[in-house]
Amino acid sequence: MTKVIGFGLIGTAITVITYSILGFPKMEVALWPLFPVILFIFFSIENLMKKDYKSCLTSALIGLMIANAIYDLLPIPTETLIVAGILVGLGLGFLLPNHDNEKERH
């Protein structure tokens, strides 16, 4: 997995240098806030691969909240996303068993 991240970062660096040399149009989007969003998406995918759905949902919602607060992706306020995230997290907590507690019981 670290090799994929390494190659991705090198490819991104090459793309940035190529865009700056060729003079492509400037983007009117703030790029720095995208780093925590990408990080939370990475954590979400990692937790999804581990089949830890509650952590996956939490990471995805935090990334969505950051992106919505900065880029206004959805026509709803961030506070509504927070409340919806808490409700979905509680719902998943009741529907999906916690693997740590099951191992301790047996």
N, C-alpha and C. Protein backbone atom coordinates (compact mmCIF):
# COMPACT_ATOMS: atom_id res chain seq x y z
N MET A 1 0.82 -1.19 0.00
CA MET A 1 0.00 0.00 0.00
C MET A 1 0.86 1.26 0.00
N THR A 2 1.99 1.21 0.70
CA THR A 2 2.85 2.40 0.74
C THR A 2 3.48 2.67 -0.63
N LYS A 3 3.70 1.62 -1.41
CA LYS A 3 4.25 1.83 -2.75
C LYS A 3 3.25 2.56 -3.64
N VAL A 4 1.97 2.23 -3.49
CA VAL A 4 0.94 2.90 -4.28
C VAL A 4 0.88 4.37 -3.91
N ILE A 5 0.94 4.67 -2.61
CA ILE A 5 0.93 6.06 -2.17
C ILE A 5 2.17 6.79 -2.69
N GLY A 6 3.32 6.13 -2.61
CA GLY A 6 4.56 6.74 -3.10
C GLY A 6 4.49 7.06 -4.58
N PHE A 7 4.02 6.09 -5.38
CA PHE A 7 3.90 6.33 -6.82
C PHE A 7 2.86 7.41 -7.11
N GLY A 8 1.78 7.44 -6.32
CA GLY A 8 0.77 8.47 -6.50
C GLY A 8 1.31 9.86 -6.24
N LEU A 9 2.12 10.00 -5.17
CA LEU A 9 2.71 11.30 -4.86
C LEU A 9 3.71 11.74 -5.92
N ILE A 10 4.50 10.80 -6.42
CA ILE A 10 5.46 11.13 -7.48
C ILE A 10 4.71 11.54 -8.75
N GLY A 11 3.64 10.83 -9.09
CA GLY A 11 2.83 11.18 -10.26
C GLY A 11 2.19 12.54 -10.11
N THR A 12 1.74 12.85 -8.91
CA THR A 12 1.16 14.17 -8.65
C THR A 12 2.20 15.27 -8.81
N ALA A 13 3.41 15.02 -8.32
CA ALA A 13 4.47 16.01 -8.47
C ALA A 13 4.80 16.25 -9.94
N ILE A 14 4.86 15.19 -10.71
CA ILE A 14 5.13 15.33 -12.15
C ILE A 14 4.01 16.11 -12.83
N THR A 15 2.77 15.85 -12.44
CA THR A 15 1.64 16.56 -13.02
C THR A 15 1.69 18.04 -12.68
N VAL A 16 2.01 18.37 -11.44
CA VAL A 16 2.10 19.77 -11.02
C VAL A 16 3.19 20.50 -11.81
N ILE A 17 4.34 19.86 -11.96
CA ILE A 17 5.44 20.48 -12.72
C ILE A 17 5.05 20.65 -14.18
N THR A 18 4.40 19.64 -14.76
CA THR A 18 3.98 19.73 -16.16
C THR A 18 2.97 20.86 -16.35
N TYR A 19 2.00 20.97 -15.46
CA TYR A 19 1.02 22.05 -15.57
C TYR A 19 1.68 23.42 -15.45
N SER A 20 2.66 23.55 -14.58
CA SER A 20 3.30 24.85 -14.41
C SER A 20 4.18 25.20 -15.61
N ILE A 21 4.81 24.22 -16.23
CA ILE A 21 5.66 24.48 -17.39
C ILE A 21 4.82 24.84 -18.61
N LEU A 22 3.75 24.08 -18.83
CA LEU A 22 2.94 24.29 -20.03
C LEU A 22 1.97 25.46 -19.89
N GLY A 23 1.80 25.97 -18.70
CA GLY A 23 0.97 27.15 -18.50
C GLY A 23 -0.51 26.89 -18.65
N PHE A 24 -0.97 25.77 -18.15
CA PHE A 24 -2.41 25.49 -18.18
C PHE A 24 -3.15 26.52 -17.34
N PRO A 25 -4.43 26.67 -17.59
CA PRO A 25 -5.18 27.69 -16.84
C PRO A 25 -5.14 27.43 -15.33
N LYS A 26 -5.13 28.52 -14.61
CA LYS A 26 -5.08 28.41 -13.16
C LYS A 26 -6.45 27.97 -12.64
N MET A 27 -6.40 27.15 -11.61
CA MET A 27 -7.64 26.69 -11.01
C MET A 27 -8.06 27.68 -9.94
N GLU A 28 -9.34 27.96 -9.89
CA GLU A 28 -9.88 28.92 -8.93
C GLU A 28 -10.39 28.21 -7.67
N VAL A 29 -9.83 27.07 -7.37
CA VAL A 29 -10.27 26.27 -6.22
C VAL A 29 -9.12 26.20 -5.22
N ALA A 30 -9.44 26.35 -3.95
CA ALA A 30 -8.42 26.21 -2.91
C ALA A 30 -8.05 24.74 -2.78
N LEU A 31 -6.78 24.44 -2.95
CA LEU A 31 -6.34 23.04 -2.95
C LEU A 31 -5.95 22.54 -1.56
N TRP A 32 -5.51 23.42 -0.67
CA TRP A 32 -5.05 22.96 0.65
C TRP A 32 -6.14 22.27 1.45
N PRO A 33 -7.38 22.73 1.41
CA PRO A 33 -8.42 22.01 2.16
C PRO A 33 -8.71 20.62 1.60
N LEU A 34 -8.26 20.35 0.38
CA LEU A 34 -8.49 19.02 -0.17
C LEU A 34 -7.65 17.95 0.50
N PHE A 35 -6.52 18.31 1.09
CA PHE A 35 -5.65 17.30 1.71
C PHE A 35 -6.32 16.57 2.87
N PRO A 36 -6.97 17.26 3.83
CA PRO A 36 -7.66 16.48 4.87
C PRO A 36 -8.84 15.69 4.32
N VAL A 37 -9.50 16.22 3.29
CA VAL A 37 -10.61 15.47 2.69
C VAL A 37 -10.09 14.18 2.06
N ILE A 38 -8.99 14.27 1.33
CA ILE A 38 -8.39 13.08 0.72
C ILE A 38 -7.91 12.12 1.80
N LEU A 39 -7.36 12.64 2.87
CA LEU A 39 -6.91 11.80 3.97
C LEU A 39 -8.07 11.03 4.59
N PHE A 40 -9.20 11.71 4.82
CA PHE A 40 -10.36 11.02 5.39
C PHE A 40 -10.97 10.03 4.41
N ILE A 41 -10.90 10.31 3.11
CA ILE A 41 -11.36 9.34 2.12
C ILE A 41 -10.47 8.10 2.15
N PHE A 42 -9.16 8.30 2.30
CA PHE A 42 -8.23 7.17 2.41
C PHE A 42 -8.54 6.33 3.64
N PHE A 43 -8.79 6.99 4.79
CA PHE A 43 -9.14 6.25 6.00
C PHE A 43 -10.46 5.51 5.83
N SER A 44 -11.39 6.11 5.13
CA SER A 44 -12.67 5.48 4.90
C SER A 44 -12.52 4.21 4.05
N ILE A 45 -11.74 4.30 2.99
CA ILE A 45 -11.51 3.13 2.14
C ILE A 45 -10.75 2.05 2.91
N GLU A 46 -9.78 2.45 3.71
CA GLU A 46 -9.01 1.50 4.50
C GLU A 46 -9.92 0.77 5.50
N ASN A 47 -10.81 1.49 6.17
CA ASN A 47 -11.73 0.86 7.12
C ASN A 47 -12.77 0.01 6.40
N LEU A 48 -13.14 0.39 5.19
CA LEU A 48 -14.08 -0.41 4.42
C LEU A 48 -13.45 -1.75 4.04
N MET A 49 -12.16 -1.73 3.71
CA MET A 49 -11.46 -2.97 3.38
C MET A 49 -11.31 -3.88 4.60
N LYS A 50 -11.25 -3.28 5.79
CA LYS A 50 -11.19 -4.06 7.03
C LYS A 50 -12.58 -4.50 7.50
N LYS A 51 -13.61 -4.08 6.78
CA LYS A 51 -15.02 -4.35 7.11
C LYS A 51 -15.42 -3.74 8.44
N ASP A 52 -14.84 -2.59 8.75
CA ASP A 52 -15.23 -1.82 9.93
C ASP A 52 -16.10 -0.67 9.44
N TYR A 53 -17.40 -0.96 9.30
CA TYR A 53 -18.31 -0.05 8.63
C TYR A 53 -18.58 1.22 9.44
N LYS A 54 -18.58 1.13 10.75
CA LYS A 54 -18.84 2.32 11.56
C LYS A 54 -17.70 3.33 11.42
N SER A 55 -16.46 2.86 11.46
CA SER A 55 -15.32 3.77 11.29
C SER A 55 -15.26 4.30 9.87
N CYS A 56 -15.64 3.48 8.91
CA CYS A 56 -15.68 3.91 7.51
C CYS A 56 -16.68 5.05 7.34
N LEU A 57 -17.85 4.89 7.93
CA LEU A 57 -18.87 5.93 7.84
C LEU A 57 -18.41 7.20 8.53
N THR A 58 -17.80 7.06 9.69
CA THR A 58 -17.33 8.24 10.43
C THR A 58 -16.29 9.01 9.62
N SER A 59 -15.33 8.31 9.06
CA SER A 59 -14.30 8.98 8.26
C SER A 59 -14.89 9.64 7.03
N ALA A 60 -15.81 8.96 6.36
CA ALA A 60 -16.42 9.52 5.15
C ALA A 60 -17.25 10.77 5.49
N LEU A 61 -17.97 10.72 6.61
CA LEU A 61 -18.77 11.88 6.98
C LEU A 61 -17.92 13.08 7.39
N ILE A 62 -16.82 12.83 8.07
CA ILE A 62 -15.94 13.94 8.44
C ILE A 62 -15.36 14.59 7.18
N GLY A 63 -14.92 13.76 6.23
CA GLY A 63 -14.42 14.30 4.97
C GLY A 63 -15.48 15.07 4.21
N LEU A 64 -16.72 14.55 4.21
CA LEU A 64 -17.81 15.24 3.53
C LEU A 64 -18.15 16.56 4.22
N MET A 65 -18.08 16.57 5.55
CA MET A 65 -18.36 17.81 6.29
C MET A 65 -17.32 18.89 5.97
N ILE A 66 -16.06 18.50 5.91
CA ILE A 66 -15.01 19.46 5.58
C ILE A 66 -15.21 19.98 4.16
N ALA A 67 -15.46 19.07 3.22
CA ALA A 67 -15.64 19.48 1.82
C ALA A 67 -16.88 20.35 1.67
N ASN A 68 -17.96 20.02 2.39
CA ASN A 68 -19.18 20.81 2.28
C ASN A 68 -19.00 22.20 2.91
N ALA A 69 -18.25 22.28 3.99
CA ALA A 69 -18.04 23.58 4.64
C ALA A 69 -17.21 24.52 3.76
N ILE A 70 -16.29 23.96 3.00
CA ILE A 70 -15.39 24.80 2.21
C ILE A 70 -15.93 25.03 0.79
N TYR A 71 -16.39 23.97 0.15
CA TYR A 71 -16.78 24.06 -1.27
C TYR A 71 -18.28 24.13 -1.50
N ASP A 72 -19.11 24.04 -0.47
CA ASP A 72 -20.57 24.07 -0.60
C ASP A 72 -21.06 23.04 -1.62
N LEU A 73 -20.71 21.78 -1.38
CA LEU A 73 -21.09 20.72 -2.31
C LEU A 73 -22.58 20.40 -2.27
N LEU A 74 -23.14 20.38 -1.09
CA LEU A 74 -24.55 20.02 -0.92
C LEU A 74 -25.35 21.25 -0.54
N PRO A 75 -26.63 21.27 -0.91
CA PRO A 75 -27.45 22.44 -0.57
C PRO A 75 -27.97 22.43 0.87
N ILE A 76 -27.32 21.67 1.74
CA ILE A 76 -27.73 21.62 3.14
C ILE A 76 -26.58 22.12 4.00
N PRO A 77 -26.89 22.68 5.17
CA PRO A 77 -25.81 23.18 6.04
C PRO A 77 -25.03 22.04 6.68
N THR A 78 -23.83 22.36 7.14
CA THR A 78 -22.95 21.36 7.75
C THR A 78 -23.56 20.82 9.04
N GLU A 79 -24.30 21.64 9.76
CA GLU A 79 -24.93 21.17 11.00
C GLU A 79 -25.90 20.03 10.74
N THR A 80 -26.60 20.09 9.62
CA THR A 80 -27.52 19.01 9.26
C THR A 80 -26.74 17.73 8.96
N LEU A 81 -25.60 17.87 8.31
CA LEU A 81 -24.75 16.70 8.06
C LEU A 81 -24.26 16.08 9.36
N ILE A 82 -23.92 16.91 10.32
CA ILE A 82 -23.45 16.39 11.60
C ILE A 82 -24.55 15.59 12.29
N VAL A 83 -25.76 16.14 12.32
CA VAL A 83 -26.88 15.45 12.96
C VAL A 83 -27.19 14.15 12.21
N ALA A 84 -27.20 14.20 10.88
CA ALA A 84 -27.47 13.00 10.10
C ALA A 84 -26.37 11.95 10.31
N GLY A 85 -25.13 12.40 10.42
CA GLY A 85 -24.02 11.47 10.67
C GLY A 85 -24.14 10.79 12.02
N ILE A 86 -24.53 11.54 13.02
CA ILE A 86 -24.70 10.95 14.36
C ILE A 86 -25.82 9.93 14.34
N LEU A 87 -26.93 10.26 13.68
CA LEU A 87 -28.06 9.34 13.62
C LEU A 87 -27.73 8.06 12.84
N VAL A 88 -27.03 8.22 11.72
CA VAL A 88 -26.64 7.03 10.94
C VAL A 88 -25.63 6.20 11.71
N GLY A 89 -24.70 6.85 12.39
CA GLY A 89 -23.72 6.12 13.20
C GLY A 89 -24.38 5.32 14.32
N LEU A 90 -25.35 5.94 14.99
CA LEU A 90 -26.09 5.22 16.04
C LEU A 90 -26.90 4.07 15.45
N GLY A 91 -27.50 4.31 14.29
CA GLY A 91 -28.26 3.24 13.63
C GLY A 91 -27.38 2.06 13.25
N LEU A 92 -26.21 2.35 12.70
CA LEU A 92 -25.28 1.27 12.36
C LEU A 92 -24.77 0.57 13.61
N GLY A 93 -24.62 1.31 14.69
CA GLY A 93 -24.18 0.70 15.94
C GLY A 93 -25.17 -0.33 16.45
N PHE A 94 -26.45 -0.07 16.22
CA PHE A 94 -27.47 -1.04 16.64
C PHE A 94 -27.59 -2.20 15.65
N LEU A 95 -27.36 -1.93 14.38
CA LEU A 95 -27.53 -2.97 13.37
C LEU A 95 -26.33 -3.90 13.24
N LEU A 96 -25.15 -3.36 13.32
CA LEU A 96 -23.93 -4.15 13.12
C LEU A 96 -23.29 -4.49 14.46
N PRO A 97 -22.94 -5.74 14.67
CA PRO A 97 -22.31 -6.10 15.94
C PRO A 97 -20.89 -5.58 16.04
N ASN A 98 -20.43 -5.39 17.25
CA ASN A 98 -19.06 -4.96 17.50
C ASN A 98 -18.21 -6.22 17.65
N HIS A 99 -17.21 -6.39 16.79
CA HIS A 99 -16.41 -7.62 16.78
C HIS A 99 -15.58 -7.77 18.05
N ASP A 100 -15.15 -6.69 18.66
CA ASP A 100 -14.33 -6.78 19.87
C ASP A 100 -15.14 -7.36 21.04
N ASN A 101 -16.38 -6.93 21.17
CA ASN A 101 -17.22 -7.43 22.25
C ASN A 101 -17.58 -8.89 22.07
N GLU A 102 -17.76 -9.34 20.81
CA GLU A 102 -18.08 -10.74 20.56
C GLU A 102 -16.91 -11.64 20.89
N LYS A 103 -15.69 -11.20 20.63
CA LYS A 103 -14.51 -12.01 20.94
C LYS A 103 -14.33 -12.16 22.45
N GLU A 104 -14.65 -11.10 23.21
CA GLU A 104 -14.51 -11.17 24.65
C GLU A 104 -15.55 -12.09 25.28
N ARG A 105 -16.73 -12.18 24.69
CA ARG A 105 -17.79 -13.01 25.24
C ARG A 105 -17.48 -14.49 25.10
N HIS A 106 -16.81 -14.87 24.03
CA HIS A 106 -16.56 -16.30 23.78
C HIS A 106 -15.32 -16.76 24.42
